[in-house]
């Protein structure tokens, strides 16, 4: 969910900031329903919050942290998808 929100903030056609804020608010509510280790929950929250900003470096750093912390719990396909979003951030 957080990676999809991040993808919506990327060029060439990022979603308008108001829509990103609305989506992030809903994602925060959804995230509270999940049983996650605190470090992963905090990193996801930072990534969700970063999608509402125009600070691309903050978004990229937040995505890197999510990948680093969640990789041990994810399957290879999920990790590859997250890394693809990170690559898209780096090339834009």
PDB file of N, CA and C in Angstrom:
ATOM      1  N   UNK A   1       0.835  -1.192   0.000  1.00  0.00           N
ATOM      2  CA  UNK A   1       0.000   0.000   0.000  1.00  0.00           C
ATOM      3  C   UNK A   1       0.878   1.253   0.000  1.00  0.00           C
ATOM      4  N   UNK A   2       1.859   1.283   0.884  1.00  0.00           N
ATOM      5  CA  UNK A   2       2.720   2.468   0.968  1.00  0.00           C
ATOM      6  C   UNK A   2       3.511   2.664  -0.322  1.00  0.00           C
ATOM      7  N   UNK A   3       3.968   1.583  -0.935  1.00  0.00           N
ATOM      8  CA  UNK A   3       4.716   1.691  -2.192  1.00  0.00           C
ATOM      9  C   UNK A   3       3.820   2.218  -3.305  1.00  0.00           C
ATOM     10  N   UNK A   4       2.578   1.831  -3.315  1.00  0.00           N
ATOM     11  CA  UNK A   4       1.651   2.339  -4.337  1.00  0.00           C
ATOM     12  C   UNK A   4       1.377   3.821  -4.128  1.00  0.00           C
ATOM     13  N   UNK A   5       1.296   4.229  -2.871  1.00  0.00           N
ATOM     14  CA  UNK A   5       1.148   5.662  -2.600  1.00  0.00           C
ATOM     15  C   UNK A   5       2.380   6.417  -3.085  1.00  0.00           C
ATOM     16  N   UNK A   6       3.555   5.840  -2.842  1.00  0.00           N
ATOM     17  CA  UNK A   6       4.797   6.480  -3.279  1.00  0.00           C
ATOM     18  C   UNK A   6       4.839   6.587  -4.797  1.00  0.00           C
ATOM     19  N   UNK A   7       4.412   5.553  -5.487  1.00  0.00           N
ATOM     20  CA  UNK A   7       4.405   5.584  -6.949  1.00  0.00           C
ATOM     21  C   UNK A   7       3.493   6.698  -7.468  1.00  0.00           C
ATOM     22  N   UNK A   8       2.445   7.005  -6.733  1.00  0.00           N
ATOM     23  CA  UNK A   8       1.533   8.073  -7.127  1.00  0.00           C
ATOM     24  C   UNK A   8       2.116   9.468  -6.982  1.00  0.00           C
ATOM     25  N   UNK A   9       3.267   9.563  -6.343  1.00  0.00           N
ATOM     26  CA  UNK A   9       3.925  10.865  -6.167  1.00  0.00           C
ATOM     27  C   UNK A   9       5.021  11.098  -7.197  1.00  0.00           C
ATOM     28  N   UNK A  10       5.208  10.136  -8.096  1.00  0.00           N
ATOM     29  CA  UNK A  10       6.326  10.215  -9.037  1.00  0.00           C
ATOM     30  C   UNK A  10       5.922  10.797 -10.385  1.00  0.00           C
ATOM     31  N   UNK A  11       6.872  11.477 -11.036  1.00  0.00           N
ATOM     32  CA  UNK A  11       6.649  11.921 -12.408  1.00  0.00           C
ATOM     33  C   UNK A  11       6.530  10.699 -13.324  1.00  0.00           C
ATOM     34  N   UNK A  12       5.984  10.795 -14.476  1.00  0.00           N
ATOM     35  CA  UNK A  12       5.743  12.033 -15.182  1.00  0.00           C
ATOM     36  C   UNK A  12       4.417  12.688 -14.819  1.00  0.00           C
ATOM     37  N   UNK A  13       3.524  11.971 -14.180  1.00  0.00           N
ATOM     38  CA  UNK A  13       2.234  12.552 -13.823  1.00  0.00           C
ATOM     39  C   UNK A  13       1.900  12.236 -12.370  1.00  0.00           C
ATOM     40  N   UNK A  14       2.547  12.928 -11.434  1.00  0.00           N
ATOM     41  CA  UNK A  14       2.219  12.683 -10.030  1.00  0.00           C
ATOM     42  C   UNK A  14       0.784  13.119  -9.738  1.00  0.00           C
ATOM     43  N   UNK A  15       0.170  12.415  -8.816  1.00  0.00           N
ATOM     44  CA  UNK A  15      -1.167  12.826  -8.397  1.00  0.00           C
ATOM     45  C   UNK A  15      -1.083  14.191  -7.731  1.00  0.00           C
ATOM     46  N   UNK A  16      -2.137  14.982  -7.819  1.00  0.00           N
ATOM     47  CA  UNK A  16      -2.138  16.270  -7.115  1.00  0.00           C
ATOM     48  C   UNK A  16      -1.920  16.061  -5.613  1.00  0.00           C
ATOM     49  N   UNK A  17      -1.275  17.024  -4.983  1.00  0.00           N
ATOM     50  CA  UNK A  17      -0.929  16.897  -3.572  1.00  0.00           C
ATOM     51  C   UNK A  17      -2.163  16.670  -2.705  1.00  0.00           C
ATOM     52  N   UNK A  18      -3.259  17.330  -2.991  1.00  0.00           N
ATOM     53  CA  UNK A  18      -4.477  17.143  -2.200  1.00  0.00           C
ATOM     54  C   UNK A  18      -4.965  15.703  -2.220  1.00  0.00           C
ATOM     55  N   UNK A  19      -4.892  15.068  -3.359  1.00  0.00           N
ATOM     56  CA  UNK A  19      -5.294  13.661  -3.478  1.00  0.00           C
ATOM     57  C   UNK A  19      -4.316  12.777  -2.721  1.00  0.00           C
ATOM     58  N   UNK A  20      -3.022  13.092  -2.812  1.00  0.00           N
ATOM     59  CA  UNK A  20      -2.031  12.295  -2.078  1.00  0.00           C
ATOM     60  C   UNK A  20      -2.249  12.403  -0.574  1.00  0.00           C
ATOM     61  N   UNK A  21      -2.631  13.583  -0.101  1.00  0.00           N
ATOM     62  CA  UNK A  21      -2.903  13.766   1.334  1.00  0.00           C
ATOM     63  C   UNK A  21      -4.111  12.931   1.751  1.00  0.00           C
ATOM     64  N   UNK A  22      -5.154  12.958   0.951  1.00  0.00           N
ATOM     65  CA  UNK A  22      -6.357  12.172   1.258  1.00  0.00           C
ATOM     66  C   UNK A  22      -6.039  10.679   1.286  1.00  0.00           C
ATOM     67  N   UNK A  23      -5.282  10.218   0.307  1.00  0.00           N
ATOM     68  CA  UNK A  23      -4.915   8.802   0.257  1.00  0.00           C
ATOM     69  C   UNK A  23      -4.038   8.416   1.451  1.00  0.00           C
ATOM     70  N   UNK A  24      -3.113   9.293   1.826  1.00  0.00           N
ATOM     71  CA  UNK A  24      -2.233   9.010   2.960  1.00  0.00           C
ATOM     72  C   UNK A  24      -3.023   8.929   4.259  1.00  0.00           C
ATOM     73  N   UNK A  25      -4.014   9.779   4.412  1.00  0.00           N
ATOM     74  CA  UNK A  25      -4.852   9.746   5.616  1.00  0.00           C
ATOM     75  C   UNK A  25      -5.563   8.400   5.723  1.00  0.00           C
ATOM     76  N   UNK A  26      -6.131   7.941   4.630  1.00  0.00           N
ATOM     77  CA  UNK A  26      -6.792   6.639   4.625  1.00  0.00           C
ATOM     78  C   UNK A  26      -5.823   5.498   4.882  1.00  0.00           C
ATOM     79  N   UNK A  27      -4.619   5.592   4.322  1.00  0.00           N
ATOM     80  CA  UNK A  27      -3.616   4.542   4.521  1.00  0.00           C
ATOM     81  C   UNK A  27      -3.165   4.464   5.974  1.00  0.00           C
ATOM     82  N   UNK A  28      -3.054   5.620   6.639  1.00  0.00           N
ATOM     83  CA  UNK A  28      -2.676   5.608   8.062  1.00  0.00           C
ATOM     84  C   UNK A  28      -3.721   4.865   8.889  1.00  0.00           C
ATOM     85  N   UNK A  29      -4.993   5.088   8.585  1.00  0.00           N
ATOM     86  CA  UNK A  29      -6.069   4.384   9.297  1.00  0.00           C
ATOM     87  C   UNK A  29      -5.962   2.888   9.033  1.00  0.00           C
ATOM     88  N   UNK A  30      -5.766   2.508   7.779  1.00  0.00           N
ATOM     89  CA  UNK A  30      -5.627   1.098   7.407  1.00  0.00           C
ATOM     90  C   UNK A  30      -4.445   0.476   8.143  1.00  0.00           C
ATOM     91  N   UNK A  31      -3.333   1.198   8.228  1.00  0.00           N
ATOM     92  CA  UNK A  31      -2.121   0.678   8.849  1.00  0.00           C
ATOM     93  C   UNK A  31      -2.330   0.355  10.328  1.00  0.00           C
ATOM     94  N   UNK A  32      -3.179   1.112  11.001  1.00  0.00           N
ATOM     95  CA  UNK A  32      -3.414   0.853  12.428  1.00  0.00           C
ATOM     96  C   UNK A  32      -4.092  -0.487  12.664  1.00  0.00           C
ATOM     97  N   UNK A  33      -4.738  -1.040  11.636  1.00  0.00           N
ATOM     98  CA  UNK A  33      -5.424  -2.324  11.778  1.00  0.00           C
ATOM     99  C   UNK A  33      -4.487  -3.517  11.618  1.00  0.00           C
ATOM    100  N   UNK A  34      -3.250  -3.267  11.237  1.00  0.00           N
ATOM    101  CA  UNK A  34      -2.305  -4.354  10.992  1.00  0.00           C
ATOM    102  C   UNK A  34      -1.413  -4.600  12.200  1.00  0.00           C
ATOM    103  N   UNK A  35      -1.137  -5.867  12.442  1.00  0.00           N
ATOM    104  CA  UNK A  35      -0.207  -6.247  13.509  1.00  0.00           C
ATOM    105  C   UNK A  35       1.193  -6.314  12.903  1.00  0.00           C
ATOM    106  N   UNK A  36       1.983  -5.274  13.139  1.00  0.00           N
ATOM    107  CA  UNK A  36       3.327  -5.185  12.579  1.00  0.00           C
ATOM    108  C   UNK A  36       4.324  -4.855  13.678  1.00  0.00           C
ATOM    109  N   UNK A  37       5.563  -5.310  13.512  1.00  0.00           N
ATOM    110  CA  UNK A  37       6.600  -4.883  14.456  1.00  0.00           C
ATOM    111  C   UNK A  37       6.730  -3.358  14.411  1.00  0.00           C
ATOM    112  N   UNK A  38       6.981  -2.763  15.543  1.00  0.00           N
ATOM    113  CA  UNK A  38       7.029  -1.309  15.654  1.00  0.00           C
ATOM    114  C   UNK A  38       7.988  -0.651  14.651  1.00  0.00           C
ATOM    115  N   UNK A  39       9.216  -1.149  14.455  1.00  0.00           N
ATOM    116  CA  UNK A  39      10.100  -0.478  13.495  1.00  0.00           C
ATOM    117  C   UNK A  39       9.523  -0.464  12.069  1.00  0.00           C
ATOM    118  N   UNK A  40       8.881  -1.531  11.666  1.00  0.00           N
ATOM    119  CA  UNK A  40       8.283  -1.579  10.323  1.00  0.00           C
ATOM    120  C   UNK A  40       7.086  -0.636  10.259  1.00  0.00           C
ATOM    121  N   UNK A  41       6.263  -0.635  11.288  1.00  0.00           N
ATOM    122  CA  UNK A  41       5.102   0.267  11.318  1.00  0.00           C
ATOM    123  C   UNK A  41       5.560   1.728  11.221  1.00  0.00           C
ATOM    124  N   UNK A  42       6.594   2.073  11.972  1.00  0.00           N
ATOM    125  CA  UNK A  42       7.093   3.451  11.949  1.00  0.00           C
ATOM    126  C   UNK A  42       7.670   3.817  10.582  1.00  0.00           C
ATOM    127  N   UNK A  43       8.385   2.883   9.960  1.00  0.00           N
ATOM    128  CA  UNK A  43       8.967   3.184   8.647  1.00  0.00           C
ATOM    129  C   UNK A  43       7.869   3.325   7.592  1.00  0.00           C
ATOM    130  N   UNK A  44       6.830   2.512   7.683  1.00  0.00           N
ATOM    131  CA  UNK A  44       5.707   2.643   6.753  1.00  0.00           C
ATOM    132  C   UNK A  44       4.979   3.965   6.956  1.00  0.00           C
ATOM    133  N   UNK A  45       4.811   4.358   8.198  1.00  0.00           N
ATOM    134  CA  UNK A  45       4.163   5.640   8.486  1.00  0.00           C
ATOM    135  C   UNK A  45       4.974   6.792   7.912  1.00  0.00           C
ATOM    136  N   UNK A  46       6.302   6.737   8.056  1.00  0.00           N
ATOM    137  CA  UNK A  46       7.155   7.783   7.482  1.00  0.00           C
ATOM    138  C   UNK A  46       7.051   7.802   5.957  1.00  0.00           C
ATOM    139  N   UNK A  47       6.986   6.630   5.344  1.00  0.00           N
ATOM    140  CA  UNK A  47       6.840   6.576   3.895  1.00  0.00           C
ATOM    141  C   UNK A  47       5.487   7.143   3.469  1.00  0.00           C
ATOM    142  N   UNK A  48       4.437   6.761   4.156  1.00  0.00           N
ATOM    143  CA  UNK A  48       3.104   7.294   3.843  1.00  0.00           C
ATOM    144  C   UNK A  48       3.110   8.812   3.970  1.00  0.00           C
ATOM    145  N   UNK A  49       3.683   9.326   5.049  1.00  0.00           N
ATOM    146  CA  UNK A  49       3.746  10.777   5.236  1.00  0.00           C
ATOM    147  C   UNK A  49       4.577  11.449   4.142  1.00  0.00           C
ATOM    148  N   UNK A  50       5.653  10.794   3.726  1.00  0.00           N
ATOM    149  CA  UNK A  50       6.526  11.368   2.697  1.00  0.00           C
ATOM    150  C   UNK A  50       5.818  11.482   1.344  1.00  0.00           C
ATOM    151  N   UNK A  51       4.808  10.672   1.111  1.00  0.00           N
ATOM    152  CA  UNK A  51       4.095  10.748  -0.175  1.00  0.00           C
ATOM    153  C   UNK A  51       3.293  12.029  -0.301  1.00  0.00           C
ATOM    154  N   UNK A  52       3.052  12.718   0.794  1.00  0.00           N
ATOM    155  CA  UNK A  52       2.253  13.950   0.753  1.00  0.00           C
ATOM    156  C   UNK A  52       3.112  15.188   0.494  1.00  0.00           C
ATOM    157  N   UNK A  53       4.414  15.012   0.515  1.00  0.00           N
ATOM    158  CA  UNK A  53       5.347  16.128   0.389  1.00  0.00           C
ATOM    159  C   UNK A  53       5.878  16.241  -1.035  1.00  0.00           C
ATOM    160  N   UNK A  54       6.510  17.356  -1.312  1.00  0.00           N
ATOM    161  CA  UNK A  54       7.202  17.525  -2.583  1.00  0.00           C
ATOM    162  C   UNK A  54       8.695  17.204  -2.436  1.00  0.00           C
ATOM    163  N   UNK A  55       9.118  16.797  -1.248  1.00  0.00           N
ATOM    164  CA  UNK A  55      10.515  16.467  -0.958  1.00  0.00           C
ATOM    165  C   UNK A  55      10.824  15.067  -1.484  1.00  0.00           C
ATOM    166  N   UNK A  56      11.423  15.002  -2.662  1.00  0.00           N
ATOM    167  CA  UNK A  56      11.710  13.714  -3.290  1.00  0.00           C
ATOM    168  C   UNK A  56      12.779  12.932  -2.527  1.00  0.00           C
ATOM    169  N   UNK A  57      13.770  13.632  -1.944  1.00  0.00           N
ATOM    170  CA  UNK A  57      14.805  12.936  -1.185  1.00  0.00           C
ATOM    171  C   UNK A  57      14.213  12.242   0.028  1.00  0.00           C
ATOM    172  N   UNK A  58      13.290  12.908   0.701  1.00  0.00           N
ATOM    173  CA  UNK A  58      12.640  12.304   1.858  1.00  0.00           C
ATOM    174  C   UNK A  58      11.842  11.071   1.479  1.00  0.00           C
ATOM    175  N   UNK A  59      11.184  11.119   0.337  1.00  0.00           N
ATOM    176  CA  UNK A  59      10.411   9.978  -0.149  1.00  0.00           C
ATOM    177  C   UNK A  59      11.329   8.803  -0.460  1.00  0.00           C
ATOM    178  N   UNK A  60      12.423   9.091  -1.134  1.00  0.00           N
ATOM    179  CA  UNK A  60      13.376   8.041  -1.494  1.00  0.00           C
ATOM    180  C   UNK A  60      14.012   7.414  -0.254  1.00  0.00           C
ATOM    181  N   UNK A  61      14.397   8.239   0.705  1.00  0.00           N
ATOM    182  CA  UNK A  61      14.993   7.719   1.947  1.00  0.00           C
ATOM    183  C   UNK A  61      13.992   6.878   2.729  1.00  0.00           C
ATOM    184  N   UNK A  62      12.750   7.320   2.773  1.00  0.00           N
ATOM    185  CA  UNK A  62      11.720   6.563   3.486  1.00  0.00           C
ATOM    186  C   UNK A  62      11.491   5.206   2.821  1.00  0.00           C
ATOM    187  N   UNK A  63      11.504   5.166   1.485  1.00  0.00           N
ATOM    188  CA  UNK A  63      11.327   3.892   0.774  1.00  0.00           C
ATOM    189  C   UNK A  63      12.495   2.954   1.046  1.00  0.00           C
ATOM    190  N   UNK A  64      13.711   3.501   1.049  1.00  0.00           N
ATOM    191  CA  UNK A  64      14.887   2.670   1.353  1.00  0.00           C
ATOM    192  C   UNK A  64      14.768   2.032   2.737  1.00  0.00           C
ATOM    193  N   UNK A  65      14.318   2.814   3.706  1.00  0.00           N
ATOM    194  CA  UNK A  65      14.173   2.292   5.069  1.00  0.00           C
ATOM    195  C   UNK A  65      13.128   1.189   5.126  1.00  0.00           C
ATOM    196  N   UNK A  66      12.021   1.375   4.439  1.00  0.00           N
ATOM    197  CA  UNK A  66      10.981   0.335   4.411  1.00  0.00           C
ATOM    198  C   UNK A  66      11.550  -0.955   3.819  1.00  0.00           C
ATOM    199  N   UNK A  67      12.272  -0.834   2.721  1.00  0.00           N
ATOM    200  CA  UNK A  67      12.860  -2.021   2.092  1.00  0.00           C
ATOM    201  C   UNK A  67      13.839  -2.700   3.041  1.00  0.00           C
ATOM    202  N   UNK A  68      14.708  -1.921   3.654  1.00  0.00           N
ATOM    203  CA  UNK A  68      15.705  -2.498   4.563  1.00  0.00           C
ATOM    204  C   UNK A  68      15.061  -3.233   5.736  1.00  0.00           C
ATOM    205  N   UNK A  69      14.042  -2.630   6.322  1.00  0.00           N
ATOM    206  CA  UNK A  69      13.431  -3.227   7.520  1.00  0.00           C
ATOM    207  C   UNK A  69      12.475  -4.372   7.204  1.00  0.00           C
ATOM    208  N   UNK A  70      11.805  -4.311   6.076  1.00  0.00           N
ATOM    209  CA  UNK A  70      10.778  -5.314   5.802  1.00  0.00           C
ATOM    210  C   UNK A  70      11.266  -6.480   4.952  1.00  0.00           C
ATOM    211  N   UNK A  71      12.421  -6.362   4.309  1.00  0.00           N
ATOM    212  CA  UNK A  71      12.914  -7.422   3.423  1.00  0.00           C
ATOM    213  C   UNK A  71      12.961  -8.807   4.061  1.00  0.00           C
ATOM    214  N   UNK A  72      13.382  -8.938   5.322  1.00  0.00           N
ATOM    215  CA  UNK A  72      13.419 -10.287   5.906  1.00  0.00           C
ATOM    216  C   UNK A  72      12.040 -10.962   5.988  1.00  0.00           C
ATOM    217  N   UNK A  73      10.970 -10.188   5.985  1.00  0.00           N
ATOM    218  CA  UNK A  73       9.630 -10.756   6.091  1.00  0.00           C
ATOM    219  C   UNK A  73       8.924 -10.905   4.746  1.00  0.00           C
ATOM    220  N   UNK A  74       9.525 -10.423   3.661  1.00  0.00           N
ATOM    221  CA  UNK A  74       8.852 -10.407   2.367  1.00  0.00           C
ATOM    222  C   UNK A  74       9.404 -11.469   1.424  1.00  0.00           C
ATOM    223  N   UNK A  75       8.548 -11.872   0.479  1.00  0.00           N
ATOM    224  CA  UNK A  75       9.000 -12.802  -0.553  1.00  0.00           C
ATOM    225  C   UNK A  75       9.810 -12.039  -1.611  1.00  0.00           C
ATOM    226  N   UNK A  76      10.594 -12.757  -2.403  1.00  0.00           N
ATOM    227  CA  UNK A  76      11.454 -12.088  -3.392  1.00  0.00           C
ATOM    228  C   UNK A  76      10.692 -11.201  -4.387  1.00  0.00           C
ATOM    229  N   UNK A  77       9.502 -11.596  -4.775  1.00  0.00           N
ATOM    230  CA  UNK A  77       8.729 -10.795  -5.729  1.00  0.00           C
ATOM    231  C   UNK A  77       8.318  -9.458  -5.114  1.00  0.00           C
ATOM    232  N   UNK A  78       7.937  -9.474  -3.863  1.00  0.00           N
ATOM    233  CA  UNK A  78       7.559  -8.226  -3.188  1.00  0.00           C
ATOM    234  C   UNK A  78       8.750  -7.293  -3.040  1.00  0.00           C
ATOM    235  N   UNK A  79       9.884  -7.852  -2.690  1.00  0.00           N
ATOM    236  CA  UNK A  79      11.100  -7.048  -2.565  1.00  0.00           C
ATOM    237  C   UNK A  79      11.458  -6.440  -3.921  1.00  0.00           C
ATOM    238  N   UNK A  80      11.352  -7.234  -4.979  1.00  0.00           N
ATOM    239  CA  UNK A  80      11.650  -6.736  -6.324  1.00  0.00           C
ATOM    240  C   UNK A  80      10.706  -5.597  -6.704  1.00  0.00           C
ATOM    241  N   UNK A  81       9.437  -5.709  -6.334  1.00  0.00           N
ATOM    242  CA  UNK A  81       8.476  -4.643  -6.639  1.00  0.00           C
ATOM    243  C   UNK A  81       8.832  -3.357  -5.898  1.00  0.00           C
ATOM    244  N   UNK A  82       9.200  -3.484  -4.629  1.00  0.00           N
ATOM    245  CA  UNK A  82       9.600  -2.306  -3.859  1.00  0.00           C
ATOM    246  C   UNK A  82      10.857  -1.667  -4.441  1.00  0.00           C
ATOM    247  N   UNK A  83      11.804  -2.497  -4.832  1.00  0.00           N
ATOM    248  CA  UNK A  83      13.039  -1.959  -5.417  1.00  0.00           C
ATOM    249  C   UNK A  83      12.775  -1.283  -6.755  1.00  0.00           C
ATOM    250  N   UNK A  84      11.805  -1.777  -7.500  1.00  0.00           N
ATOM    251  CA  UNK A  84      11.453  -1.139  -8.771  1.00  0.00           C
ATOM    252  C   UNK A  84      10.885   0.265  -8.531  1.00  0.00           C
ATOM    253  N   UNK A  85      10.060   0.412  -7.498  1.00  0.00           N
ATOM    254  CA  UNK A  85       9.542   1.740  -7.156  1.00  0.00           C
ATOM    255  C   UNK A  85      10.703   2.644  -6.735  1.00  0.00           C
ATOM    256  N   UNK A  86      11.622   2.119  -5.961  1.00  0.00           N
ATOM    257  CA  UNK A  86      12.795   2.906  -5.552  1.00  0.00           C
ATOM    258  C   UNK A  86      13.628   3.308  -6.769  1.00  0.00           C
ATOM    259  N   UNK A  87      13.826   2.408  -7.715  1.00  0.00           N
ATOM    260  CA  UNK A  87      14.557   2.754  -8.946  1.00  0.00           C
ATOM    261  C   UNK A  87      13.851   3.872  -9.709  1.00  0.00           C
ATOM    262  N   UNK A  88      12.541   3.800  -9.759  1.00  0.00           N
ATOM    263  CA  UNK A  88      11.778   4.847 -10.448  1.00  0.00           C
ATOM    264  C   UNK A  88      11.989   6.191  -9.758  1.00  0.00           C
ATOM    265  N   UNK A  89      12.074   6.177  -8.436  1.00  0.00           N
ATOM    266  CA  UNK A  89      12.324   7.421  -7.690  1.00  0.00           C
ATOM    267  C   UNK A  89      13.703   7.966  -8.022  1.00  0.00           C
ATOM    268  N   UNK A  90      14.670   7.085  -8.113  1.00  0.00           N
ATOM    269  CA  UNK A  90      16.053   7.495  -8.329  1.00  0.00           C
ATOM    270  C   UNK A  90      16.278   8.051  -9.724  1.00  0.00           C
ATOM    271  N   UNK A  91      15.516   7.590 -10.694  1.00  0.00           N
ATOM    272  CA  UNK A  91      15.737   8.018 -12.068  1.00  0.00           C
ATOM    273  C   UNK A  91      14.927   9.248 -12.451  1.00  0.00           C
ATOM    274  N   UNK A  92      13.997   9.646 -11.619  1.00  0.00           N
ATOM    275  CA  UNK A  92      13.146  10.792 -11.951  1.00  0.00           C
ATOM    276  C   UNK A  92      13.786  12.095 -11.558  1.00  0.00           C
TER     277      UNK A  92
END
